Amino acid sequence: MTRGGCIANEKAQVLTNSGEVVEGLYAAGEVTATSQAYSAAVIFGRISGEEAANYVLK
């Protein structure tokens, strides 16, 4: 389990150190700073996939 990895918001979008969204970059699971590794990976894996698909289709 990664602790202190990249930070992602509720849409699984990766954030910079200043809290800005990195456009088109999504993360879930062990690469994010989370304490619930498995459940967060499942939930945010789905969210990041949906958000990435929406981004590409725009």
N, C-alpha and C. Protein backbone atom coordinates (compact mmCIF):
# COMPACT_ATOMS: atom_id res chain seq x y z
N MET A 1 0.84 -1.17 0.00
CA MET A 1 0.00 0.00 0.00
C MET A 1 0.89 1.24 0.00
N THR A 2 0.60 2.16 -0.86
CA THR A 2 1.36 3.40 -0.95
C THR A 2 0.78 4.42 0.00
N ARG A 3 1.62 5.02 0.77
CA ARG A 3 1.20 6.15 1.61
C ARG A 3 2.05 7.33 1.20
N GLY A 4 1.37 8.42 0.89
CA GLY A 4 2.11 9.59 0.46
C GLY A 4 2.29 9.65 -1.05
N GLY A 5 1.51 8.88 -1.80
CA GLY A 5 1.56 8.93 -3.25
C GLY A 5 0.90 10.20 -3.76
N CYS A 6 0.55 10.21 -5.03
CA CYS A 6 -0.09 11.40 -5.59
C CYS A 6 -1.48 11.60 -4.97
N ILE A 7 -1.93 12.83 -5.00
CA ILE A 7 -3.24 13.17 -4.44
C ILE A 7 -4.24 13.25 -5.59
N ALA A 8 -5.40 12.64 -5.39
CA ALA A 8 -6.47 12.69 -6.39
C ALA A 8 -7.75 13.17 -5.71
N ASN A 9 -8.58 13.88 -6.47
CA ASN A 9 -9.84 14.36 -5.92
C ASN A 9 -10.94 13.31 -6.06
N GLU A 10 -12.19 13.69 -5.77
CA GLU A 10 -13.32 12.75 -5.80
C GLU A 10 -13.64 12.24 -7.20
N LYS A 11 -13.10 12.89 -8.23
CA LYS A 11 -13.28 12.43 -9.61
C LYS A 11 -12.06 11.65 -10.09
N ALA A 12 -11.15 11.33 -9.17
CA ALA A 12 -9.91 10.60 -9.43
C ALA A 12 -8.93 11.40 -10.28
N GLN A 13 -9.12 12.71 -10.37
CA GLN A 13 -8.19 13.57 -11.10
C GLN A 13 -6.97 13.85 -10.21
N VAL A 14 -5.77 13.72 -10.78
CA VAL A 14 -4.55 13.98 -10.03
C VAL A 14 -4.41 15.48 -9.83
N LEU A 15 -3.98 15.86 -8.62
CA LEU A 15 -3.79 17.26 -8.27
C LEU A 15 -2.31 17.59 -8.11
N THR A 16 -1.95 18.82 -8.46
CA THR A 16 -0.59 19.29 -8.24
C THR A 16 -0.40 19.61 -6.76
N ASN A 17 0.83 19.95 -6.37
CA ASN A 17 1.10 20.33 -4.98
C ASN A 17 0.29 21.54 -4.55
N SER A 18 -0.09 22.39 -5.49
CA SER A 18 -0.88 23.57 -5.16
C SER A 18 -2.39 23.31 -5.26
N GLY A 19 -2.80 22.06 -5.52
CA GLY A 19 -4.21 21.71 -5.54
C GLY A 19 -4.89 21.88 -6.89
N GLU A 20 -4.13 22.20 -7.93
CA GLU A 20 -4.70 22.34 -9.27
C GLU A 20 -4.86 20.97 -9.92
N VAL A 21 -5.91 20.80 -10.71
CA VAL A 21 -6.15 19.55 -11.44
C VAL A 21 -5.16 19.44 -12.60
N VAL A 22 -4.53 18.26 -12.74
CA VAL A 22 -3.69 17.97 -13.90
C VAL A 22 -4.62 17.43 -14.97
N GLU A 23 -4.91 18.23 -15.97
CA GLU A 23 -5.90 17.87 -16.97
C GLU A 23 -5.54 16.57 -17.69
N GLY A 24 -6.50 15.64 -17.73
CA GLY A 24 -6.32 14.38 -18.44
C GLY A 24 -5.57 13.31 -17.68
N LEU A 25 -5.20 13.56 -16.40
CA LEU A 25 -4.45 12.57 -15.62
C LEU A 25 -5.31 12.09 -14.46
N TYR A 26 -5.52 10.77 -14.39
CA TYR A 26 -6.37 10.17 -13.38
C TYR A 26 -5.58 9.08 -12.66
N ALA A 27 -5.91 8.85 -11.39
CA ALA A 27 -5.18 7.84 -10.61
C ALA A 27 -6.12 7.16 -9.63
N ALA A 28 -5.80 5.90 -9.33
CA ALA A 28 -6.58 5.14 -8.36
C ALA A 28 -5.68 4.06 -7.76
N GLY A 29 -6.08 3.55 -6.62
CA GLY A 29 -5.38 2.43 -6.01
C GLY A 29 -4.08 2.81 -5.32
N GLU A 30 -3.08 1.96 -5.46
CA GLU A 30 -1.85 2.09 -4.70
C GLU A 30 -1.01 3.31 -5.05
N VAL A 31 -1.26 3.97 -6.16
CA VAL A 31 -0.47 5.16 -6.51
C VAL A 31 -1.00 6.42 -5.83
N THR A 32 -2.14 6.33 -5.16
CA THR A 32 -2.70 7.49 -4.49
C THR A 32 -2.45 7.42 -2.99
N ALA A 33 -2.50 8.55 -2.35
CA ALA A 33 -2.33 8.62 -0.90
C ALA A 33 -3.66 8.25 -0.25
N THR A 34 -3.80 6.99 0.13
CA THR A 34 -5.06 6.50 0.69
C THR A 34 -4.79 5.53 1.83
N SER A 35 -5.75 5.37 2.70
CA SER A 35 -5.59 4.41 3.80
C SER A 35 -6.46 3.17 3.59
N GLN A 36 -7.36 3.18 2.63
CA GLN A 36 -8.20 2.02 2.34
C GLN A 36 -7.82 1.49 0.96
N ALA A 37 -6.68 0.85 0.86
CA ALA A 37 -6.09 0.50 -0.44
C ALA A 37 -7.03 -0.29 -1.34
N TYR A 38 -7.57 -1.40 -0.90
CA TYR A 38 -8.36 -2.24 -1.80
C TYR A 38 -9.69 -1.59 -2.16
N SER A 39 -10.46 -1.17 -1.17
CA SER A 39 -11.76 -0.59 -1.47
C SER A 39 -11.63 0.70 -2.27
N ALA A 40 -10.64 1.51 -1.95
CA ALA A 40 -10.42 2.74 -2.71
C ALA A 40 -10.00 2.43 -4.14
N ALA A 41 -9.21 1.39 -4.34
CA ALA A 41 -8.78 1.02 -5.69
C ALA A 41 -9.97 0.62 -6.55
N VAL A 42 -10.89 -0.13 -5.98
CA VAL A 42 -12.08 -0.56 -6.73
C VAL A 42 -12.96 0.63 -7.07
N ILE A 43 -13.27 1.43 -6.06
CA ILE A 43 -14.17 2.57 -6.26
C ILE A 43 -13.54 3.60 -7.20
N PHE A 44 -12.31 4.04 -6.88
CA PHE A 44 -11.70 5.08 -7.69
C PHE A 44 -11.17 4.56 -9.02
N GLY A 45 -10.95 3.26 -9.14
CA GLY A 45 -10.62 2.69 -10.44
C GLY A 45 -11.77 2.87 -11.41
N ARG A 46 -12.97 2.61 -10.93
CA ARG A 46 -14.16 2.81 -11.77
C ARG A 46 -14.36 4.29 -12.09
N ILE A 47 -14.25 5.14 -11.06
CA ILE A 47 -14.42 6.58 -11.27
C ILE A 47 -13.38 7.11 -12.24
N SER A 48 -12.11 6.72 -12.07
CA SER A 48 -11.07 7.23 -12.97
C SER A 48 -11.29 6.77 -14.40
N GLY A 49 -11.75 5.53 -14.58
CA GLY A 49 -12.05 5.04 -15.93
C GLY A 49 -13.18 5.82 -16.59
N GLU A 50 -14.23 6.08 -15.84
CA GLU A 50 -15.35 6.86 -16.38
C GLU A 50 -14.94 8.29 -16.69
N GLU A 51 -14.19 8.91 -15.77
CA GLU A 51 -13.76 10.30 -15.98
C GLU A 51 -12.78 10.40 -17.16
N ALA A 52 -11.87 9.45 -17.29
CA ALA A 52 -10.94 9.45 -18.41
C ALA A 52 -11.69 9.30 -19.74
N ALA A 53 -12.67 8.40 -19.76
CA ALA A 53 -13.47 8.22 -20.99
C ALA A 53 -14.24 9.49 -21.33
N ASN A 54 -14.83 10.14 -20.33
CA ASN A 54 -15.53 11.41 -20.57
C ASN A 54 -14.58 12.47 -21.10
N TYR A 55 -13.37 12.52 -20.56
CA TYR A 55 -12.38 13.50 -21.00
C TYR A 55 -12.02 13.29 -22.47
N VAL A 56 -11.81 12.02 -22.86
CA VAL A 56 -11.44 11.70 -24.23
C VAL A 56 -12.58 11.99 -25.19
N LEU A 57 -13.81 11.77 -24.77
CA LEU A 57 -14.95 11.96 -25.64
C LEU A 57 -15.36 13.42 -25.80
N LYS A 58 -14.82 14.33 -24.96
CA LYS A 58 -15.17 15.75 -25.05
C LYS A 58 -14.66 16.36 -26.33
